[in-house]
Amino acid sequence: MIAALQDFAASFPEYISWLGVMLVSAIPFVESYFGSVIGVLIGLPTPVAIGVAVVGNVASMLAFVFSAHGVRTKVIAGRGGADAAPEESPRRAKLRRAFDRYGVAGVSLLGQTILPSQITSAAMVSFGANRNTVVFWQIVSIILWGIAFGVLATLGVQLTR
């Protein structure tokens, strides 16, 4: 099956494979970790697979963070600067408790086991976390998860040969 997938991917120019992995990595729940696996499985070199997966995931996450920051800024300005929020849903309250307990770094590094980086980053910014701090820790997390899964996929492919 892996050989058939690699043959199919090889029928396209290499830049199309890179672009495909980058685009699929921008999708929430696929992210850098599954994107790097897909890149390795279609035959991209491991560093390239991880790199394009990280770039796609980071681009998507940045769009979510800047959007959430813009919305939060407008909402707060509309309230006359009051930072009091309406009652939260149970799911959002649970995410806020994790944010309060573990901070930006903890939620960024561990949050991807539960929710996509796009959702956790937007939520943290909406809770009032510093946008640049969220971006920094999310990028660190995206890179680490992409490397871990890319290396595991490479080892797994090597075992099948």
C-alpha atoms as a PDB file:
ATOM      1  CA  MET A   1       0.000   0.000   0.000  1.00  0.00           C
ATOM      2  CA  ILE A   2       2.823   2.433   0.860  1.00  0.00           C
ATOM      3  CA  ALA A   3       4.556   1.629  -2.430  1.00  0.00           C
ATOM      4  CA  ALA A   4       1.344   2.310  -4.372  1.00  0.00           C
ATOM      5  CA  LEU A   5       0.912   5.633  -2.557  1.00  0.00           C
ATOM      6  CA  GLN A   6       4.518   6.589  -3.290  1.00  0.00           C
ATOM      7  CA  ASP A   7       4.129   5.634  -6.968  1.00  0.00           C
ATOM      8  CA  PHE A   8       0.989   7.767  -7.208  1.00  0.00           C
ATOM      9  CA  ALA A   9       2.703  10.748  -5.564  1.00  0.00           C
ATOM     10  CA  ALA A  10       5.772  10.295  -7.786  1.00  0.00           C
ATOM     11  CA  SER A  11       3.580  10.815 -10.866  1.00  0.00           C
ATOM     12  CA  PHE A  12       3.256  14.499  -9.899  1.00  0.00           C
ATOM     13  CA  PRO A  13       5.972  17.149  -9.914  1.00  0.00           C
ATOM     14  CA  GLU A  14       7.727  17.320  -6.543  1.00  0.00           C
ATOM     15  CA  TYR A  15       6.463  20.823  -5.786  1.00  0.00           C
ATOM     16  CA  ILE A  16       2.882  19.524  -6.011  1.00  0.00           C
ATOM     17  CA  SER A  17       3.688  16.957  -3.309  1.00  0.00           C
ATOM     18  CA  TRP A  18       5.158  19.697  -1.127  1.00  0.00           C
ATOM     19  CA  LEU A  19       2.147  21.929  -1.702  1.00  0.00           C
ATOM     20  CA  GLY A  20      -0.255  19.051  -1.014  1.00  0.00           C
ATOM     21  CA  VAL A  21       1.382  18.244   2.318  1.00  0.00           C
ATOM     22  CA  MET A  22       1.454  21.934   3.226  1.00  0.00           C
ATOM     23  CA  LEU A  23      -2.245  22.368   2.450  1.00  0.00           C
ATOM     24  CA  VAL A  24      -3.357  19.228   4.249  1.00  0.00           C
ATOM     25  CA  SER A  25      -1.319  20.266   7.295  1.00  0.00           C
ATOM     26  CA  ALA A  26      -3.296  23.501   7.494  1.00  0.00           C
ATOM     27  CA  ILE A  27      -6.454  21.494   8.215  1.00  0.00           C
ATOM     28  CA  PRO A  28      -7.386  21.302  11.911  1.00  0.00           C
ATOM     29  CA  PHE A  29      -6.925  17.785  13.349  1.00  0.00           C
ATOM     30  CA  VAL A  30      -4.418  16.928  10.567  1.00  0.00           C
ATOM     31  CA  GLU A  31      -1.819  19.503  11.609  1.00  0.00           C
ATOM     32  CA  SER A  32       1.958  19.083  11.437  1.00  0.00           C
ATOM     33  CA  TYR A  33       1.966  15.662  13.030  1.00  0.00           C
ATOM     34  CA  PHE A  34      -0.251  13.862  10.506  1.00  0.00           C
ATOM     35  CA  GLY A  35       0.973  16.121   7.702  1.00  0.00           C
ATOM     36  CA  SER A  36       4.556  15.025   8.306  1.00  0.00           C
ATOM     37  CA  VAL A  37       3.420  11.388   8.345  1.00  0.00           C
ATOM     38  CA  ILE A  38       1.631  11.869   5.026  1.00  0.00           C
ATOM     39  CA  GLY A  39       4.742  13.535   3.593  1.00  0.00           C
ATOM     40  CA  VAL A  40       6.958  10.652   4.685  1.00  0.00           C
ATOM     41  CA  LEU A  41       4.480   8.076   3.380  1.00  0.00           C
ATOM     42  CA  ILE A  42       4.317   9.648  -0.075  1.00  0.00           C
ATOM     43  CA  GLY A  43       8.105   9.561  -0.280  1.00  0.00           C
ATOM     44  CA  LEU A  44       9.254  13.052   0.599  1.00  0.00           C
ATOM     45  CA  PRO A  45      12.548  13.203   2.487  1.00  0.00           C
ATOM     46  CA  THR A  46      11.814  13.379   6.218  1.00  0.00           C
ATOM     47  CA  PRO A  47      13.171  16.925   6.762  1.00  0.00           C
ATOM     48  CA  VAL A  48      11.137  18.195   3.786  1.00  0.00           C
ATOM     49  CA  ALA A  49       7.983  16.397   4.929  1.00  0.00           C
ATOM     50  CA  ILE A  50       8.318  17.846   8.413  1.00  0.00           C
ATOM     51  CA  GLY A  51       9.218  21.316   7.119  1.00  0.00           C
ATOM     52  CA  VAL A  52       6.290  21.718   4.741  1.00  0.00           C
ATOM     53  CA  ALA A  53       3.891  20.226   7.304  1.00  0.00           C
ATOM     54  CA  VAL A  54       5.084  22.719   9.915  1.00  0.00           C
ATOM     55  CA  VAL A  55       4.777  25.648   7.487  1.00  0.00           C
ATOM     56  CA  GLY A  56       1.204  24.688   6.579  1.00  0.00           C
ATOM     57  CA  ASN A  57       0.165  24.218  10.201  1.00  0.00           C
ATOM     58  CA  VAL A  58       1.828  27.460  11.349  1.00  0.00           C
ATOM     59  CA  ALA A  59       0.176  29.467   8.557  1.00  0.00           C
ATOM     60  CA  SER A  60      -3.239  28.143   9.524  1.00  0.00           C
ATOM     61  CA  MET A  61      -2.645  28.711  13.235  1.00  0.00           C
ATOM     62  CA  LEU A  62      -1.531  32.292  12.591  1.00  0.00           C
ATOM     63  CA  ALA A  63      -4.738  33.002  10.681  1.00  0.00           C
ATOM     64  CA  PHE A  64      -6.777  31.749  13.634  1.00  0.00           C
ATOM     65  CA  VAL A  65      -4.732  33.696  16.209  1.00  0.00           C
ATOM     66  CA  PHE A  66      -4.880  37.000  14.349  1.00  0.00           C
ATOM     67  CA  SER A  67      -8.611  36.547  13.691  1.00  0.00           C
ATOM     68  CA  ALA A  68      -9.322  35.768  17.350  1.00  0.00           C
ATOM     69  CA  HIS A  69      -7.199  38.702  18.469  1.00  0.00           C
ATOM     70  CA  GLY A  70      -9.064  41.046  16.113  1.00  0.00           C
ATOM     71  CA  VAL A  71     -12.458  39.813  17.298  1.00  0.00           C
ATOM     72  CA  ARG A  72     -11.466  40.094  20.968  1.00  0.00           C
ATOM     73  CA  THR A  73     -10.151  43.615  20.452  1.00  0.00           C
ATOM     74  CA  LYS A  74     -13.406  44.706  18.789  1.00  0.00           C
ATOM     75  CA  VAL A  75     -15.584  43.056  21.451  1.00  0.00           C
ATOM     76  CA  ILE A  76     -13.673  44.694  24.296  1.00  0.00           C
ATOM     77  CA  ALA A  77     -13.775  48.065  22.531  1.00  0.00           C
ATOM     78  CA  GLY A  78     -17.536  47.641  22.046  1.00  0.00           C
ATOM     79  CA  ARG A  79     -17.967  47.105  25.782  1.00  0.00           C
ATOM     80  CA  GLY A  80     -16.121  50.301  26.555  1.00  0.00           C
ATOM     81  CA  GLY A  81     -13.007  48.430  27.643  1.00  0.00           C
ATOM     82  CA  ALA A  82     -14.787  46.189  30.156  1.00  0.00           C
ATOM     83  CA  ASP A  83     -13.145  42.768  30.107  1.00  0.00           C
ATOM     84  CA  ALA A  84     -16.058  40.878  31.697  1.00  0.00           C
ATOM     85  CA  ALA A  85     -17.226  38.035  29.470  1.00  0.00           C
ATOM     86  CA  PRO A  86     -20.678  36.471  29.279  1.00  0.00           C
ATOM     87  CA  GLU A  87     -21.177  33.015  30.779  1.00  0.00           C
ATOM     88  CA  GLU A  88     -19.081  30.331  29.071  1.00  0.00           C
ATOM     89  CA  SER A  89     -20.196  27.011  27.649  1.00  0.00           C
ATOM     90  CA  PRO A  90     -19.041  23.914  29.593  1.00  0.00           C
ATOM     91  CA  ARG A  91     -16.471  23.059  26.907  1.00  0.00           C
ATOM     92  CA  ARG A  92     -15.024  26.577  26.878  1.00  0.00           C
ATOM     93  CA  ALA A  93     -14.980  26.626  30.693  1.00  0.00           C
ATOM     94  CA  LYS A  94     -12.997  23.375  30.684  1.00  0.00           C
ATOM     95  CA  LEU A  95     -10.478  24.838  28.229  1.00  0.00           C
ATOM     96  CA  ARG A  96     -10.195  27.988  30.372  1.00  0.00           C
ATOM     97  CA  ARG A  97      -9.484  25.882  33.481  1.00  0.00           C
ATOM     98  CA  ALA A  98      -6.690  24.077  31.612  1.00  0.00           C
ATOM     99  CA  PHE A  99      -5.363  27.438  30.441  1.00  0.00           C
ATOM    100  CA  ASP A 100      -5.463  28.838  34.000  1.00  0.00           C
ATOM    101  CA  ARG A 101      -3.735  25.737  35.348  1.00  0.00           C
ATOM    102  CA  TYR A 102      -1.037  25.102  32.731  1.00  0.00           C
ATOM    103  CA  GLY A 103      -0.565  28.502  31.092  1.00  0.00           C
ATOM    104  CA  VAL A 104       0.207  29.252  27.476  1.00  0.00           C
ATOM    105  CA  ALA A 105       3.223  26.932  27.257  1.00  0.00           C
ATOM    106  CA  GLY A 106       1.450  23.944  28.814  1.00  0.00           C
ATOM    107  CA  VAL A 107      -1.702  24.288  26.741  1.00  0.00           C
ATOM    108  CA  SER A 108       0.353  24.831  23.586  1.00  0.00           C
ATOM    109  CA  LEU A 109       2.563  21.791  24.131  1.00  0.00           C
ATOM    110  CA  LEU A 110      -0.074  19.400  25.470  1.00  0.00           C
ATOM    111  CA  GLY A 111      -3.275  20.825  24.003  1.00  0.00           C
ATOM    112  CA  GLN A 112      -2.689  19.195  20.631  1.00  0.00           C
ATOM    113  CA  THR A 113      -3.436  15.828  22.187  1.00  0.00           C
ATOM    114  CA  ILE A 114      -7.049  16.970  22.596  1.00  0.00           C
ATOM    115  CA  LEU A 115      -7.755  19.878  20.230  1.00  0.00           C
ATOM    116  CA  PRO A 116      -6.078  21.300  17.135  1.00  0.00           C
ATOM    117  CA  SER A 117      -3.518  24.072  17.556  1.00  0.00           C
ATOM    118  CA  GLN A 118      -5.809  26.427  15.667  1.00  0.00           C
ATOM    119  CA  ILE A 119      -8.599  26.058  18.229  1.00  0.00           C
ATOM    120  CA  THR A 120      -6.405  26.122  21.332  1.00  0.00           C
ATOM    121  CA  SER A 121      -4.439  29.147  20.108  1.00  0.00           C
ATOM    122  CA  ALA A 122      -7.576  31.112  19.235  1.00  0.00           C
ATOM    123  CA  ALA A 123      -9.110  30.207  22.598  1.00  0.00           C
ATOM    124  CA  MET A 124      -6.036  31.319  24.538  1.00  0.00           C
ATOM    125  CA  VAL A 125      -6.000  34.665  22.732  1.00  0.00           C
ATOM    126  CA  SER A 126      -9.715  35.078  23.408  1.00  0.00           C
ATOM    127  CA  PHE A 127      -9.017  34.427  27.114  1.00  0.00           C
ATOM    128  CA  GLY A 128      -6.636  37.377  27.074  1.00  0.00           C
ATOM    129  CA  ALA A 129      -3.268  35.663  26.612  1.00  0.00           C
ATOM    130  CA  ASN A 130      -0.612  37.723  24.876  1.00  0.00           C
ATOM    131  CA  ARG A 131      -0.874  37.066  21.143  1.00  0.00           C
ATOM    132  CA  ASN A 132       2.901  36.931  20.587  1.00  0.00           C
ATOM    133  CA  THR A 133       3.414  34.511  23.488  1.00  0.00           C
ATOM    134  CA  VAL A 134       0.707  32.228  22.091  1.00  0.00           C
ATOM    135  CA  VAL A 135       2.258  32.352  18.625  1.00  0.00           C
ATOM    136  CA  PHE A 136       5.732  31.556  19.992  1.00  0.00           C
ATOM    137  CA  TRP A 137       4.616  28.548  22.059  1.00  0.00           C
ATOM    138  CA  GLN A 138       2.326  27.249  19.346  1.00  0.00           C
ATOM    139  CA  ILE A 139       5.171  27.322  16.827  1.00  0.00           C
ATOM    140  CA  VAL A 140       7.425  25.462  19.280  1.00  0.00           C
ATOM    141  CA  SER A 141       4.676  22.885  19.805  1.00  0.00           C
ATOM    142  CA  ILE A 142       3.919  22.497  16.085  1.00  0.00           C
ATOM    143  CA  ILE A 143       7.608  21.933  15.332  1.00  0.00           C
ATOM    144  CA  LEU A 144       8.052  19.389  18.146  1.00  0.00           C
ATOM    145  CA  TRP A 145       4.928  17.412  17.237  1.00  0.00           C
ATOM    146  CA  GLY A 146       5.855  17.488  13.536  1.00  0.00           C
ATOM    147  CA  ILE A 147       9.379  16.222  14.234  1.00  0.00           C
ATOM    148  CA  ALA A 148       8.168  13.470  16.584  1.00  0.00           C
ATOM    149  CA  PHE A 149       5.589  12.091  14.161  1.00  0.00           C
ATOM    150  CA  GLY A 150       7.821  12.565  11.102  1.00  0.00           C
ATOM    151  CA  VAL A 151      10.623  10.580  12.729  1.00  0.00           C
ATOM    152  CA  LEU A 152       8.201   7.878  13.903  1.00  0.00           C
ATOM    153  CA  ALA A 153       6.744   7.618  10.394  1.00  0.00           C
ATOM    154  CA  THR A 154      10.237   7.354   8.909  1.00  0.00           C
ATOM    155  CA  LEU A 155      11.128   4.574  11.330  1.00  0.00           C
ATOM    156  CA  GLY A 156       7.853   2.800  10.549  1.00  0.00           C
ATOM    157  CA  VAL A 157       8.406   3.014   6.781  1.00  0.00           C
ATOM    158  CA  GLN A 158      11.927   1.671   7.216  1.00  0.00           C
ATOM    159  CA  LEU A 159      10.554  -1.313   9.142  1.00  0.00           C
ATOM    160  CA  THR A 160       8.245  -2.210   6.250  1.00  0.00           C
ATOM    161  CA  ARG A 161      11.117  -2.404   3.766  1.00  0.00           C
END
